[in-house]
Amino acid sequence: MISAPHLTILMALLVTAPWPAQAKVTERHTSARAGEAIAYARCAGCHAVGQSVASPNAGAPAFEEVGRKYRSIRLEWELEAISDVGHYSMPAKPMDAQEIRNLTAYIRSIKPRDQ
């Protein structure tokens, strides 16, 4: 049988331990923040990377539009292709797998203005 002091400690640990869902949300939030930093450092010269719809380069879609267009897992695949060979007139933008995941998380975190 568990003594009262041990039971109290056990209950305190269970109450304060992070649940898997909480850890997943925190991880996603962290990767979206890292993706935002990548977006502003490497993409904002041509693309509107935040809530703005006006890209510095008229031919470069805003990230809000990119997120809407590539809602499925295809976005990560598109970013992998951009990393390797570019996209239409956009030159290749080398990124490692973690940077691609982070940028994907950021683009998906942008809430469309019409919702």
N, C-alpha and C. Protein backbone atom coordinates (compact mmCIF):
# COMPACT_ATOMS: atom_id res chain seq x y z
N MET A 1 0.84 -1.17 0.00
CA MET A 1 0.00 0.00 0.00
C MET A 1 0.89 1.24 0.00
N ILE A 2 0.45 2.28 -0.70
CA ILE A 2 1.20 3.52 -0.80
C ILE A 2 0.84 4.40 0.38
N SER A 3 1.89 4.94 1.01
CA SER A 3 1.65 5.81 2.16
C SER A 3 1.12 7.17 1.69
N ALA A 4 0.51 7.90 2.59
CA ALA A 4 -0.09 9.20 2.26
C ALA A 4 0.93 10.18 1.68
N PRO A 5 2.13 10.31 2.25
CA PRO A 5 3.10 11.26 1.66
C PRO A 5 3.50 10.85 0.24
N HIS A 6 3.68 9.54 0.02
CA HIS A 6 4.04 9.09 -1.32
C HIS A 6 2.90 9.30 -2.31
N LEU A 7 1.68 9.08 -1.86
CA LEU A 7 0.52 9.29 -2.70
C LEU A 7 0.39 10.77 -3.09
N THR A 8 0.68 11.65 -2.15
CA THR A 8 0.62 13.09 -2.41
C THR A 8 1.65 13.47 -3.48
N ILE A 9 2.86 12.94 -3.36
CA ILE A 9 3.91 13.23 -4.34
C ILE A 9 3.52 12.68 -5.71
N LEU A 10 3.01 11.47 -5.73
CA LEU A 10 2.60 10.85 -6.99
C LEU A 10 1.50 11.67 -7.66
N MET A 11 0.53 12.10 -6.91
CA MET A 11 -0.56 12.91 -7.46
C MET A 11 -0.02 14.24 -8.00
N ALA A 12 0.90 14.86 -7.28
CA ALA A 12 1.48 16.13 -7.72
C ALA A 12 2.22 15.94 -9.04
N LEU A 13 2.94 14.85 -9.17
CA LEU A 13 3.66 14.57 -10.41
C LEU A 13 2.69 14.34 -11.57
N LEU A 14 1.62 13.62 -11.34
CA LEU A 14 0.65 13.37 -12.39
C LEU A 14 -0.05 14.64 -12.85
N VAL A 15 -0.34 15.51 -11.91
CA VAL A 15 -1.04 16.74 -12.23
C VAL A 15 -0.15 17.71 -13.01
N THR A 16 1.13 17.76 -12.66
CA THR A 16 2.02 18.73 -13.29
C THR A 16 2.75 18.20 -14.52
N ALA A 17 2.71 16.90 -14.77
CA ALA A 17 3.40 16.33 -15.93
C ALA A 17 2.72 16.78 -17.22
N PRO A 18 3.52 17.13 -18.23
CA PRO A 18 2.90 17.52 -19.50
C PRO A 18 2.27 16.32 -20.19
N TRP A 19 1.09 16.50 -20.71
CA TRP A 19 0.42 15.45 -21.46
C TRP A 19 0.94 15.44 -22.88
N PRO A 20 0.90 14.31 -23.58
CA PRO A 20 1.42 14.25 -24.95
C PRO A 20 0.83 15.32 -25.87
N ALA A 21 -0.44 15.60 -25.77
CA ALA A 21 -1.06 16.61 -26.63
C ALA A 21 -0.46 17.99 -26.36
N GLN A 22 -0.20 18.30 -25.09
CA GLN A 22 0.42 19.58 -24.74
C GLN A 22 1.81 19.67 -25.34
N ALA A 23 2.58 18.59 -25.26
CA ALA A 23 3.92 18.58 -25.81
C ALA A 23 3.88 18.79 -27.32
N LYS A 24 2.93 18.19 -28.00
CA LYS A 24 2.79 18.32 -29.46
C LYS A 24 2.48 19.76 -29.83
N VAL A 25 1.58 20.40 -29.09
CA VAL A 25 1.24 21.80 -29.36
C VAL A 25 2.46 22.68 -29.18
N THR A 26 3.21 22.47 -28.10
CA THR A 26 4.41 23.26 -27.83
C THR A 26 5.44 23.05 -28.93
N GLU A 27 5.63 21.80 -29.35
CA GLU A 27 6.58 21.49 -30.41
C GLU A 27 6.18 22.17 -31.71
N ARG A 28 4.90 22.12 -32.06
CA ARG A 28 4.41 22.74 -33.28
C ARG A 28 4.59 24.25 -33.21
N HIS A 29 4.31 24.84 -32.04
CA HIS A 29 4.46 26.29 -31.86
C HIS A 29 5.92 26.68 -32.04
N THR A 30 6.82 25.90 -31.45
CA THR A 30 8.25 26.19 -31.56
C THR A 30 8.70 26.10 -33.00
N SER A 31 8.27 25.06 -33.74
CA SER A 31 8.71 24.93 -35.11
C SER A 31 8.10 26.02 -35.99
N ALA A 32 6.89 26.46 -35.69
CA ALA A 32 6.29 27.57 -36.45
C ALA A 32 7.08 28.85 -36.20
N ARG A 33 7.53 29.06 -35.00
CA ARG A 33 8.35 30.25 -34.70
C ARG A 33 9.68 30.19 -35.44
N ALA A 34 10.29 29.01 -35.46
CA ALA A 34 11.55 28.85 -36.20
C ALA A 34 11.29 29.06 -37.69
N GLY A 35 10.16 28.56 -38.18
CA GLY A 35 9.80 28.75 -39.58
C GLY A 35 9.55 30.21 -39.92
N GLU A 36 8.97 30.93 -38.99
CA GLU A 36 8.74 32.37 -39.20
C GLU A 36 10.08 33.09 -39.35
N ALA A 37 11.05 32.73 -38.53
CA ALA A 37 12.38 33.34 -38.63
C ALA A 37 13.01 33.04 -39.99
N ILE A 38 12.86 31.80 -40.46
CA ILE A 38 13.37 31.43 -41.79
C ILE A 38 12.66 32.25 -42.86
N ALA A 39 11.35 32.36 -42.75
CA ALA A 39 10.56 33.08 -43.74
C ALA A 39 11.00 34.54 -43.85
N TYR A 40 11.17 35.21 -42.72
CA TYR A 40 11.57 36.60 -42.76
C TYR A 40 13.00 36.77 -43.24
N ALA A 41 13.87 35.84 -42.89
CA ALA A 41 15.28 35.94 -43.28
C ALA A 41 15.51 35.57 -44.75
N ARG A 42 14.77 34.58 -45.26
CA ARG A 42 15.12 34.04 -46.57
C ARG A 42 14.04 34.17 -47.64
N CYS A 43 12.83 34.54 -47.24
CA CYS A 43 11.72 34.55 -48.21
C CYS A 43 11.07 35.92 -48.38
N ALA A 44 11.18 36.76 -47.36
CA ALA A 44 10.46 38.04 -47.34
C ALA A 44 10.93 39.02 -48.40
N GLY A 45 12.07 38.78 -49.01
CA GLY A 45 12.53 39.66 -50.09
C GLY A 45 11.60 39.63 -51.29
N CYS A 46 10.91 38.50 -51.46
CA CYS A 46 9.98 38.35 -52.60
C CYS A 46 8.54 38.09 -52.17
N HIS A 47 8.34 37.33 -51.09
CA HIS A 47 7.01 36.92 -50.66
C HIS A 47 6.52 37.75 -49.47
N ALA A 48 5.21 37.98 -49.42
CA ALA A 48 4.59 38.51 -48.20
C ALA A 48 4.52 37.32 -47.25
N VAL A 49 5.21 37.39 -46.12
CA VAL A 49 5.31 36.22 -45.26
C VAL A 49 4.38 36.26 -44.05
N GLY A 50 3.81 37.37 -43.72
CA GLY A 50 2.90 37.44 -42.58
C GLY A 50 1.46 37.51 -43.06
N GLN A 51 0.67 38.35 -42.44
CA GLN A 51 -0.74 38.52 -42.81
C GLN A 51 -0.89 39.39 -44.06
N SER A 52 0.16 40.04 -44.47
CA SER A 52 0.08 40.91 -45.64
C SER A 52 -0.17 40.09 -46.90
N VAL A 53 -0.88 40.68 -47.84
CA VAL A 53 -1.14 40.00 -49.11
C VAL A 53 -0.31 40.61 -50.24
N ALA A 54 0.37 41.70 -49.97
CA ALA A 54 1.16 42.37 -51.00
C ALA A 54 2.62 41.92 -50.90
N SER A 55 3.04 41.08 -51.84
CA SER A 55 4.42 40.61 -51.87
C SER A 55 5.31 41.66 -52.52
N PRO A 56 6.56 41.80 -52.08
CA PRO A 56 7.49 42.73 -52.72
C PRO A 56 7.68 42.42 -54.21
N ASN A 57 7.64 41.14 -54.56
CA ASN A 57 7.72 40.72 -55.95
C ASN A 57 6.30 40.32 -56.37
N ALA A 58 5.75 41.05 -57.32
CA ALA A 58 4.36 40.80 -57.72
C ALA A 58 4.11 39.37 -58.19
N GLY A 59 5.13 38.69 -58.67
CA GLY A 59 4.97 37.32 -59.14
C GLY A 59 5.09 36.27 -58.05
N ALA A 60 5.42 36.70 -56.85
CA ALA A 60 5.59 35.76 -55.73
C ALA A 60 4.34 35.77 -54.86
N PRO A 61 3.68 34.63 -54.70
CA PRO A 61 2.45 34.61 -53.90
C PRO A 61 2.74 34.86 -52.41
N ALA A 62 1.77 35.48 -51.76
CA ALA A 62 1.85 35.67 -50.30
C ALA A 62 1.79 34.30 -49.63
N PHE A 63 2.45 34.17 -48.50
CA PHE A 63 2.44 32.88 -47.79
C PHE A 63 1.03 32.47 -47.39
N GLU A 64 0.16 33.44 -47.15
CA GLU A 64 -1.24 33.11 -46.83
C GLU A 64 -1.85 32.34 -48.00
N GLU A 65 -1.58 32.80 -49.22
CA GLU A 65 -2.09 32.12 -50.42
C GLU A 65 -1.43 30.75 -50.60
N VAL A 66 -0.14 30.67 -50.34
CA VAL A 66 0.58 29.39 -50.44
C VAL A 66 -0.04 28.38 -49.48
N GLY A 67 -0.32 28.81 -48.25
CA GLY A 67 -0.93 27.93 -47.27
C GLY A 67 -2.30 27.44 -47.69
N ARG A 68 -3.06 28.31 -48.31
CA ARG A 68 -4.39 27.94 -48.78
C ARG A 68 -4.30 26.97 -49.97
N LYS A 69 -3.36 27.22 -50.86
CA LYS A 69 -3.20 26.38 -52.06
C LYS A 69 -2.68 24.98 -51.72
N TYR A 70 -1.78 24.90 -50.77
CA TYR A 70 -1.16 23.62 -50.42
C TYR A 70 -1.57 23.19 -49.02
N ARG A 71 -2.84 22.99 -48.79
CA ARG A 71 -3.34 22.59 -47.46
C ARG A 71 -2.92 21.18 -47.09
N SER A 72 -2.75 20.32 -48.05
CA SER A 72 -2.42 18.92 -47.77
C SER A 72 -0.92 18.78 -47.48
N ILE A 73 -0.46 17.56 -47.32
CA ILE A 73 0.96 17.33 -47.04
C ILE A 73 1.84 17.72 -48.23
N ARG A 74 1.23 18.06 -49.32
CA ARG A 74 1.97 18.45 -50.51
C ARG A 74 2.86 19.68 -50.27
N LEU A 75 2.52 20.52 -49.34
CA LEU A 75 3.32 21.72 -49.07
C LEU A 75 4.75 21.35 -48.74
N GLU A 76 4.93 20.38 -47.89
CA GLU A 76 6.29 19.98 -47.52
C GLU A 76 7.04 19.47 -48.76
N TRP A 77 6.35 18.73 -49.61
CA TRP A 77 6.96 18.23 -50.84
C TRP A 77 7.37 19.40 -51.74
N GLU A 78 6.50 20.40 -51.87
CA GLU A 78 6.81 21.59 -52.68
C GLU A 78 8.05 22.31 -52.13
N LEU A 79 8.13 22.44 -50.82
CA LEU A 79 9.29 23.11 -50.22
C LEU A 79 10.57 22.30 -50.44
N GLU A 80 10.46 20.98 -50.43
CA GLU A 80 11.62 20.14 -50.73
C GLU A 80 12.10 20.39 -52.16
N ALA A 81 11.15 20.47 -53.09
CA ALA A 81 11.50 20.74 -54.49
C ALA A 81 12.14 22.12 -54.63
N ILE A 82 11.58 23.11 -53.94
CA ILE A 82 12.15 24.47 -53.98
C ILE A 82 13.56 24.45 -53.42
N SER A 83 13.77 23.68 -52.39
CA SER A 83 15.09 23.56 -51.79
C SER A 83 16.10 23.01 -52.79
N ASP A 84 15.67 22.03 -53.57
CA ASP A 84 16.58 21.36 -54.51
C ASP A 84 16.74 22.08 -55.84
N VAL A 85 15.62 22.47 -56.46
CA VAL A 85 15.69 22.98 -57.83
C VAL A 85 15.01 24.32 -58.06
N GLY A 86 14.33 24.85 -57.07
CA GLY A 86 13.60 26.10 -57.25
C GLY A 86 12.18 25.84 -57.71
N HIS A 87 11.52 26.91 -58.15
CA HIS A 87 10.11 26.81 -58.54
C HIS A 87 9.84 27.90 -59.57
N TYR A 88 9.55 27.51 -60.80
CA TYR A 88 9.35 28.46 -61.89
C TYR A 88 10.53 29.43 -61.94
N SER A 89 10.31 30.72 -61.74
CA SER A 89 11.41 31.68 -61.82
C SER A 89 12.18 31.82 -60.51
N MET A 90 11.74 31.13 -59.48
CA MET A 90 12.41 31.20 -58.18
C MET A 90 13.62 30.27 -58.16
N PRO A 91 14.79 30.78 -57.77
CA PRO A 91 15.96 29.91 -57.71
C PRO A 91 15.86 28.92 -56.54
N ALA A 92 16.68 27.90 -56.58
CA ALA A 92 16.73 26.93 -55.47
C ALA A 92 17.08 27.67 -54.17
N LYS A 93 16.45 27.24 -53.09
CA LYS A 93 16.69 27.81 -51.77
C LYS A 93 17.04 26.64 -50.84
N PRO A 94 18.30 26.25 -50.80
CA PRO A 94 18.67 25.05 -50.01
C PRO A 94 18.21 25.14 -48.55
N MET A 95 17.50 24.09 -48.12
CA MET A 95 17.04 23.96 -46.74
C MET A 95 17.21 22.51 -46.32
N ASP A 96 17.52 22.32 -45.05
CA ASP A 96 17.57 20.94 -44.55
C ASP A 96 16.15 20.51 -44.14
N ALA A 97 16.01 19.24 -43.79
CA ALA A 97 14.69 18.69 -43.48
C ALA A 97 14.00 19.43 -42.33
N GLN A 98 14.75 19.81 -41.30
CA GLN A 98 14.14 20.52 -40.17
C GLN A 98 13.67 21.91 -40.58
N GLU A 99 14.44 22.59 -41.39
CA GLU A 99 14.02 23.91 -41.86
C GLU A 99 12.74 23.81 -42.70
N ILE A 100 12.64 22.76 -43.51
CA ILE A 100 11.44 22.55 -44.31
C ILE A 100 10.23 22.29 -43.41
N ARG A 101 10.42 21.47 -42.36
CA ARG A 101 9.32 21.22 -41.41
C ARG A 101 8.91 22.50 -40.71
N ASN A 102 9.90 23.28 -40.29
CA ASN A 102 9.61 24.54 -39.59
C ASN A 102 8.88 25.53 -40.50
N LEU A 103 9.34 25.67 -41.73
CA LEU A 103 8.70 26.59 -42.66
C LEU A 103 7.28 26.13 -42.99
N THR A 104 7.10 24.82 -43.13
CA THR A 104 5.76 24.26 -43.35
C THR A 104 4.85 24.60 -42.18
N ALA A 105 5.35 24.40 -40.96
CA ALA A 105 4.55 24.71 -39.76
C ALA A 105 4.18 26.18 -39.72
N TYR A 106 5.11 27.05 -40.09
CA TYR A 106 4.81 28.49 -40.08
C TYR A 106 3.74 28.84 -41.12
N ILE A 107 3.92 28.36 -42.33
CA ILE A 107 2.95 28.68 -43.39
C ILE A 107 1.57 28.19 -43.00
N ARG A 108 1.50 27.01 -42.41
CA ARG A 108 0.20 26.48 -42.00
C ARG A 108 -0.38 27.22 -40.79
N SER A 109 0.47 27.92 -40.05
CA SER A 109 -0.02 28.66 -38.88
C SER A 109 -0.65 29.99 -39.26
N ILE A 110 -0.41 30.46 -40.47
CA ILE A 110 -0.97 31.75 -40.91
C ILE A 110 -2.46 31.57 -41.18
N LYS A 111 -3.25 32.29 -40.44
CA LYS A 111 -4.70 32.20 -40.59
C LYS A 111 -5.15 33.07 -41.75
N PRO A 112 -5.89 32.51 -42.69
CA PRO A 112 -6.40 33.32 -43.79
C PRO A 112 -7.26 34.46 -43.25
N ARG A 113 -7.14 35.61 -43.86
CA ARG A 113 -7.87 36.81 -43.41
C ARG A 113 -9.37 36.64 -43.52
N ASP A 114 -9.84 35.80 -44.43
CA ASP A 114 -11.29 35.64 -44.62
C ASP A 114 -11.91 34.62 -43.68
N GLN A 115 -11.15 34.11 -42.74
CA GLN A 115 -11.70 33.13 -41.79
C GLN A 115 -11.64 33.66 -40.38
